Amino acid sequence: MARTQTNKTGGGKRSALQDVVTREYTIHLHKLVHGRSFKKRAPWAVKSVVDFARKSMGTTDVRLDPKLNQALWARGVKSVPHRIRVKLERKRNDDEGAKEKLFTYASHVVVTSFKGLQTAVVDAE
């Protein structure tokens, strides 16, 4: 089977306006913790949310809201929710001596149903 070569273009820098953005995602946790032993499911779900935020927002510094952590652990270590709606905010890091100039803050969005929900860009408040 022949491999096709992909050409990466547009590797320029983002503007300051594009740096700060807020999006809402639905994360399918059930497929991420499938096959994981019961005592490791909730910790793995937390790590999976952090990994998802790192990949989707492009920052290595990811901070979880305590309410999101409580939502993941609400039914115990074994019964992680199948899906969770998460608001990811890419923000500027104003700390002195920060390694990264941007970080991602992940918070929980309460929804009644996940039917028909897609990724949405949230306007800055």
Foldseek 3Di string as FASTA:
>chain_A
DDDDDDDDDDPDDDDPVVQKWKKKAKDQLCVQCPPPDQQCSLVSSVVVVLVVLCVVNVDNAEAEDVQVSCQQQVVHSRCGDRMFMKMKTWDADPDPPDPDRIYIYIYGDDDPDPPPDHMDIDDDD
